[in-house]
Amino acid sequence: MRITVLILVSATALLASACGGSNDEPSSASTPFDYDASAPLAYKDKGVINHDYPLKVHDVSYTSGGKKVEGLLVVPPGKGPFPAVLYLHGSGGDKTQLIGPAAWMAARGVVSMTITMPEDLIPADATPTGRLVAERKSAVATVVAARRAVDALQALPQVDDDRIGLVGWSAGARVGAILAGVDRRIEAFDLFSGGAPPVEDYAANVPESLRPAVRRELGAVDPLRWIAQARQSTVLLQDGRKDEVVPRSALDDLAKAAGKAAEVRWYAGQGHTPGRKALGEQLVWMAKKLGVGEPVVEGASTGPQ
């Protein structure tokens, strides 16, 4: 999926010179997304990859489910402790896709992390039921990788582990919708272009013999199911009325499932990719949720112009 020129320009400018626990623990109820929080993160910081800019971008990685997850950590000057925000890209993207918005948030005195979410390939020779099982396992691995990113952020000495937010776009918004109902350590969720049709819609389009497997496997990782368990007023859904990728019905379904947990904002001229207005409002909303004020890092880009 393409990102806006604004995001790309900010990311290019920023990278041009480049050659846990809290008082609000995850829910104790069992979910498909449980993991061994005591497993080693193997967090590595390979150093700063940009120069002559007020914000420092670190090339980082950690492990989740035995696999390495690559990320970028944008750090404002000072010792903190700073709030933190995790950014989750769209389908086919990687850790660089949302580095622009991450840097704009960091300019407000926030540690920002982007990651490349794992995407497991489904074997071409898998049976229909096998494909459903593989899809469920892949979704679980992606959500757990995001939860491990929160572990990594909470372990950083410059991060205030009681003030963590999440921004997700498209596929990243679907992951964020699940996390909104699963991980209580995250205080605020801003989800761009996030939609999900009901599992019954999938079931209706497969042979009757396969419907129990659809309900079992896809139902376990259904964003509609999990966002319905989100805390009140913790989610902002930002959707374009001209979204050419996610059907309007799927956007509406996610908003309906969120209920009182979410505020929904529609943008008349916006498609699937967030525009200036949505990106600017995201910065203001998340900053307010995390208790930060105006941009504080002198000389750093502070948002879409």
Protein backbone atom coordinates (compact mmCIF):
# COMPACT_ATOMS: atom_id res chain seq x y z
CA MET A 1 0.00 0.00 0.00
CA ARG A 2 1.23 3.46 -0.82
CA ILE A 3 1.89 6.14 1.73
CA THR A 4 1.35 9.84 1.14
CA VAL A 5 4.03 11.99 -0.35
CA LEU A 6 4.08 13.85 2.94
CA ILE A 7 4.99 10.75 4.90
CA LEU A 8 7.54 9.67 2.34
CA VAL A 9 9.21 13.06 2.20
CA SER A 10 9.49 13.25 5.97
CA ALA A 11 10.90 9.74 6.16
CA THR A 12 13.40 10.44 3.40
CA ALA A 13 14.54 13.66 5.00
CA LEU A 14 14.96 12.03 8.37
CA LEU A 15 16.86 9.03 7.08
CA ALA A 16 18.79 10.72 4.31
CA SER A 17 22.07 10.58 6.19
CA ALA A 18 21.67 6.92 7.15
CA CYS A 19 24.05 4.62 4.94
CA GLY A 20 8.15 -5.20 31.05
CA GLY A 21 5.66 -4.05 33.44
CA SER A 22 3.44 -1.14 34.53
CA ASN A 23 0.65 -0.34 36.92
CA ASP A 24 -1.84 -1.37 34.24
CA GLU A 25 -0.85 -4.90 33.30
CA PRO A 26 -2.33 -6.90 30.42
CA SER A 27 -5.66 -8.52 31.14
CA SER A 28 -5.33 -11.70 33.16
CA ALA A 29 -8.04 -13.41 31.10
CA SER A 30 -6.72 -16.02 28.70
CA THR A 31 -6.66 -15.02 25.02
CA PRO A 32 -5.21 -16.54 21.83
CA PHE A 33 -2.55 -13.82 22.06
CA ASP A 34 -0.99 -14.91 25.35
CA TYR A 35 2.79 -15.32 25.32
CA ASP A 36 5.69 -15.96 27.65
CA ALA A 37 6.60 -12.48 28.84
CA SER A 38 9.66 -13.89 30.59
CA ALA A 39 11.20 -15.11 27.32
CA PRO A 40 14.33 -13.14 26.42
CA LEU A 41 13.65 -10.16 24.16
CA ALA A 42 17.21 -10.17 22.82
CA TYR A 43 16.77 -6.43 22.26
CA LYS A 44 19.58 -4.93 20.21
CA ASP A 45 20.35 -1.32 19.37
CA LYS A 46 22.68 -1.20 16.37
CA GLY A 47 23.17 2.53 16.75
CA VAL A 48 22.01 5.85 15.34
CA ILE A 49 21.47 5.82 11.57
CA ASN A 50 20.85 9.53 10.97
CA HIS A 51 23.00 12.58 11.62
CA ASP A 52 22.67 16.35 12.00
CA TYR A 53 19.03 16.17 13.09
CA PRO A 54 17.56 16.96 16.53
CA LEU A 55 15.90 13.53 16.77
CA LYS A 56 18.00 10.37 16.76
CA VAL A 57 16.83 7.33 14.83
CA HIS A 58 18.16 4.02 16.13
CA ASP A 59 18.20 0.76 14.19
CA VAL A 60 16.82 -1.77 16.69
CA SER A 61 15.54 -5.33 16.84
CA TYR A 62 14.07 -7.82 19.30
CA THR A 63 12.71 -11.34 19.18
CA SER A 64 9.12 -12.54 19.23
CA GLY A 65 8.20 -16.20 19.01
CA GLY A 66 11.83 -17.00 18.30
CA LYS A 67 11.96 -14.69 15.26
CA LYS A 68 13.76 -11.38 14.92
CA VAL A 69 11.60 -8.28 14.51
CA GLU A 70 13.28 -5.24 12.97
CA GLY A 71 12.41 -1.73 14.10
CA LEU A 72 13.33 1.94 14.18
CA LEU A 73 13.36 3.89 17.43
CA VAL A 74 13.02 7.69 17.25
CA VAL A 75 14.31 9.35 20.41
CA PRO A 76 14.00 13.01 21.45
CA PRO A 77 16.90 14.69 23.25
CA GLY A 78 17.03 14.36 27.03
CA LYS A 79 16.78 11.61 29.60
CA GLY A 80 13.00 11.42 29.95
CA PRO A 81 11.06 9.58 31.06
CA PHE A 82 9.04 10.15 27.88
CA PRO A 83 5.74 8.67 26.75
CA ALA A 84 6.04 6.21 23.87
CA VAL A 85 4.03 5.37 20.75
CA LEU A 86 4.21 2.20 18.66
CA TYR A 87 3.48 2.50 14.91
CA LEU A 88 2.12 -0.42 12.85
CA HIS A 89 2.31 -0.26 9.06
CA GLY A 90 -0.10 -1.40 6.36
CA SER A 91 -0.02 -4.63 4.37
CA GLY A 92 3.21 -5.02 2.43
CA GLY A 93 4.89 -2.21 4.37
CA ASP A 94 7.78 -2.22 6.77
CA LYS A 95 9.41 -0.23 9.56
CA THR A 96 10.07 2.76 7.28
CA GLN A 97 6.46 3.27 6.18
CA LEU A 98 5.31 5.39 9.12
CA ILE A 99 8.66 6.84 10.17
CA GLY A 100 7.45 10.34 9.21
CA PRO A 101 4.48 10.41 11.62
CA ALA A 102 6.65 8.69 14.23
CA ALA A 103 9.18 11.51 13.97
CA TRP A 104 6.46 14.16 14.19
CA MET A 105 5.30 12.57 17.42
CA ALA A 106 8.87 12.35 18.72
CA ALA A 107 9.17 16.12 18.16
CA ARG A 108 6.63 16.43 20.97
CA GLY A 109 8.90 14.68 23.43
CA VAL A 110 7.75 11.11 22.77
CA VAL A 111 9.81 8.00 22.08
CA SER A 112 8.41 6.45 18.88
CA MET A 113 8.96 2.95 17.55
CA THR A 114 8.11 1.52 14.15
CA ILE A 115 8.43 -2.20 13.44
CA THR A 116 8.26 -4.52 10.47
CA MET A 117 5.42 -6.82 11.39
CA PRO A 118 5.91 -10.52 10.63
CA GLU A 119 3.92 -11.90 7.72
CA ASP A 120 4.01 -15.68 7.50
CA LEU A 121 3.42 -17.17 4.06
CA ILE A 122 0.65 -19.72 3.76
CA PRO A 123 1.82 -22.93 2.02
CA ALA A 124 0.45 -23.15 -1.51
CA ASP A 125 -0.46 -26.81 -1.01
CA ALA A 126 -2.36 -26.25 2.24
CA THR A 127 -5.87 -27.64 2.50
CA PRO A 128 -8.73 -25.16 2.97
CA THR A 129 -8.77 -25.92 6.69
CA GLY A 130 -4.99 -25.75 6.79
CA ARG A 131 -5.09 -22.30 5.23
CA LEU A 132 -7.50 -21.10 7.90
CA VAL A 133 -5.27 -22.47 10.65
CA ALA A 134 -2.25 -20.78 9.05
CA GLU A 135 -4.11 -17.47 8.82
CA ARG A 136 -5.03 -17.68 12.48
CA LYS A 137 -1.46 -18.50 13.50
CA SER A 138 -0.10 -15.66 11.37
CA ALA A 139 -2.52 -13.16 12.95
CA VAL A 140 -1.57 -14.34 16.44
CA ALA A 141 2.15 -14.02 15.66
CA THR A 142 1.65 -10.46 14.42
CA VAL A 143 -0.30 -9.39 17.49
CA VAL A 144 2.25 -11.01 19.81
CA ALA A 145 5.09 -9.25 17.95
CA ALA A 146 3.36 -5.92 18.66
CA ARG A 147 2.94 -6.86 22.33
CA ARG A 148 6.63 -7.71 22.52
CA ALA A 149 7.37 -4.27 21.07
CA VAL A 150 5.52 -2.84 24.08
CA ASP A 151 7.72 -5.02 26.30
CA ALA A 152 10.77 -3.54 24.58
CA LEU A 153 9.54 0.02 25.03
CA GLN A 154 8.75 -0.53 28.70
CA ALA A 155 12.26 -1.88 29.26
CA LEU A 156 13.88 1.33 27.96
CA PRO A 157 15.03 3.63 30.78
CA GLN A 158 13.90 6.78 28.93
CA VAL A 159 10.29 5.53 28.54
CA ASP A 160 7.46 6.17 31.00
CA ASP A 161 5.83 2.74 30.86
CA ASP A 162 2.50 4.10 32.12
CA ARG A 163 2.05 6.28 29.00
CA ILE A 164 2.14 4.17 25.84
CA GLY A 165 0.04 4.67 22.72
CA LEU A 166 -0.39 2.91 19.39
CA VAL A 167 -1.00 4.13 15.85
CA GLY A 168 -1.99 1.64 13.16
CA TRP A 169 -2.84 2.03 9.50
CA SER A 170 -4.91 -0.43 7.44
CA ALA A 171 -3.56 -3.90 8.34
CA GLY A 172 -1.84 -2.24 11.30
CA ALA A 173 -5.21 -0.83 12.34
CA ARG A 174 -6.70 -4.33 12.38
CA VAL A 175 -3.87 -5.45 14.66
CA GLY A 176 -4.45 -2.36 16.79
CA ALA A 177 -8.15 -3.17 17.04
CA ILE A 178 -7.29 -6.55 18.55
CA LEU A 179 -4.75 -5.02 20.92
CA ALA A 180 -7.33 -2.49 22.11
CA GLY A 181 -9.23 -5.34 23.69
CA VAL A 182 -6.26 -7.43 24.75
CA ASP A 183 -3.40 -5.30 26.08
CA ARG A 184 -4.26 -2.90 28.89
CA ARG A 185 -0.75 -1.42 28.98
CA ILE A 186 -1.56 0.65 25.89
CA GLU A 187 -3.46 3.80 26.85
CA ALA A 188 -4.64 5.07 23.46
CA PHE A 189 -5.18 3.65 19.98
CA ASP A 190 -5.34 5.74 16.82
CA LEU A 191 -6.45 3.57 13.90
CA PHE A 192 -6.41 4.83 10.29
CA SER A 193 -8.50 3.10 7.61
CA GLY A 194 -9.27 0.11 9.81
CA GLY A 195 -12.09 -2.17 8.82
CA ALA A 196 -13.22 -5.75 9.31
CA PRO A 197 -16.28 -7.58 7.99
CA PRO A 198 -18.06 -10.02 10.30
CA VAL A 199 -16.72 -13.57 10.35
CA GLU A 200 -20.16 -14.74 9.22
CA ASP A 201 -19.58 -12.92 5.93
CA TYR A 202 -16.58 -15.17 5.31
CA ALA A 203 -18.52 -18.24 6.42
CA ALA A 204 -21.37 -17.46 4.04
CA ASN A 205 -19.01 -17.65 1.07
CA VAL A 206 -17.51 -21.09 1.70
CA PRO A 207 -18.97 -24.60 1.50
CA GLU A 208 -21.11 -25.50 4.47
CA SER A 209 -18.64 -28.18 5.57
CA LEU A 210 -15.95 -25.52 6.00
CA ARG A 211 -18.02 -23.02 7.96
CA PRO A 212 -17.25 -24.41 11.44
CA ALA A 213 -13.52 -24.04 10.72
CA VAL A 214 -14.02 -20.47 9.50
CA ARG A 215 -15.91 -19.57 12.65
CA ARG A 216 -13.34 -21.29 14.88
CA GLU A 217 -10.11 -20.09 13.28
CA LEU A 218 -11.05 -16.62 12.05
CA GLY A 219 -13.35 -16.00 14.99
CA ALA A 220 -10.42 -16.38 17.37
CA VAL A 221 -8.60 -13.44 15.75
CA ASP A 222 -11.62 -11.36 14.73
CA PRO A 223 -10.90 -7.63 15.21
CA LEU A 224 -14.63 -7.01 15.77
CA ARG A 225 -14.66 -9.43 18.68
CA TRP A 226 -11.66 -7.91 20.41
CA ILE A 227 -12.24 -4.19 19.88
CA ALA A 228 -15.63 -4.70 21.53
CA GLN A 229 -13.66 -5.31 24.74
CA ALA A 230 -11.70 -2.05 24.54
CA ARG A 231 -11.98 0.46 27.36
CA GLN A 232 -14.27 3.43 26.89
CA SER A 233 -12.81 6.45 25.06
CA THR A 234 -9.44 4.86 24.29
CA VAL A 235 -9.78 4.58 20.49
CA LEU A 236 -9.85 7.08 17.63
CA LEU A 237 -10.96 5.71 14.24
CA GLN A 238 -10.02 7.92 11.29
CA ASP A 239 -11.61 6.88 8.01
CA GLY A 240 -11.81 8.28 4.51
CA ARG A 241 -15.18 8.47 2.81
CA LYS A 242 -13.46 7.62 -0.48
CA ASP A 243 -11.49 4.61 0.78
CA GLU A 244 -10.74 2.57 -2.32
CA VAL A 245 -9.28 -0.43 -0.45
CA VAL A 246 -11.44 -1.14 2.60
CA PRO A 247 -15.21 -1.29 1.87
CA ARG A 248 -17.35 1.27 3.67
CA SER A 249 -19.31 -1.57 5.28
CA ALA A 250 -16.13 -2.96 6.86
CA LEU A 251 -15.18 0.47 8.21
CA ASP A 252 -18.67 0.82 9.66
CA ASP A 253 -18.53 -2.67 11.17
CA LEU A 254 -15.35 -1.89 13.11
CA ALA A 255 -16.77 1.41 14.35
CA LYS A 256 -19.99 -0.28 15.44
CA ALA A 257 -18.11 -3.04 17.26
CA ALA A 258 -15.97 -0.48 19.09
CA GLY A 259 -19.05 1.26 20.48
CA LYS A 260 -18.29 3.69 23.29
CA ALA A 261 -14.61 2.81 23.18
CA ALA A 262 -14.15 4.82 20.00
CA GLU A 263 -14.57 8.26 18.54
CA VAL A 264 -15.02 8.06 14.76
CA ARG A 265 -13.90 10.82 12.42
CA TRP A 266 -14.70 10.77 8.71
CA TYR A 267 -12.76 12.72 6.08
CA ALA A 268 -14.72 13.72 3.00
CA GLY A 269 -11.93 13.91 0.45
CA GLN A 270 -9.72 11.16 1.84
CA GLY A 271 -9.14 7.72 0.41
CA HIS A 272 -7.34 4.81 2.04
CA THR A 273 -4.20 6.83 2.72
CA PRO A 274 -4.47 9.43 5.51
CA GLY A 275 -4.19 13.03 4.38
CA ARG A 276 -2.86 16.17 6.04
CA LYS A 277 -5.97 16.83 8.12
CA ALA A 278 -6.17 13.30 9.52
CA LEU A 279 -2.44 13.14 10.23
CA GLY A 280 -2.52 16.48 12.00
CA GLU A 281 -5.52 15.52 14.12
CA GLN A 282 -3.86 12.23 15.02
CA LEU A 283 -0.88 14.08 16.47
CA VAL A 284 -3.07 16.37 18.56
CA TRP A 285 -5.31 13.54 19.80
CA MET A 286 -2.48 11.20 20.78
CA ALA A 287 -0.47 13.98 22.42
CA LYS A 288 -3.48 14.88 24.55
CA LYS A 289 -4.08 11.25 25.52
CA LEU A 290 -0.46 10.86 26.60
CA GLY A 291 -0.32 14.18 28.41
CA VAL A 292 2.20 15.98 26.23
CA GLY A 293 1.94 19.54 25.00
CA GLU A 294 3.21 21.52 22.07
CA PRO A 295 6.23 20.33 20.07
CA VAL A 296 9.28 20.67 22.31
CA VAL A 297 12.21 19.63 20.08
CA GLU A 298 13.63 22.69 18.43
CA GLY A 299 14.50 22.29 14.76
CA ALA A 300 12.51 19.07 14.25
CA SER A 301 9.63 18.76 11.78
CA THR A 302 6.38 18.79 13.76
CA GLY A 303 3.78 17.58 11.29
CA PRO A 304 2.24 17.84 7.82
CA GLN A 305 2.61 21.24 6.27
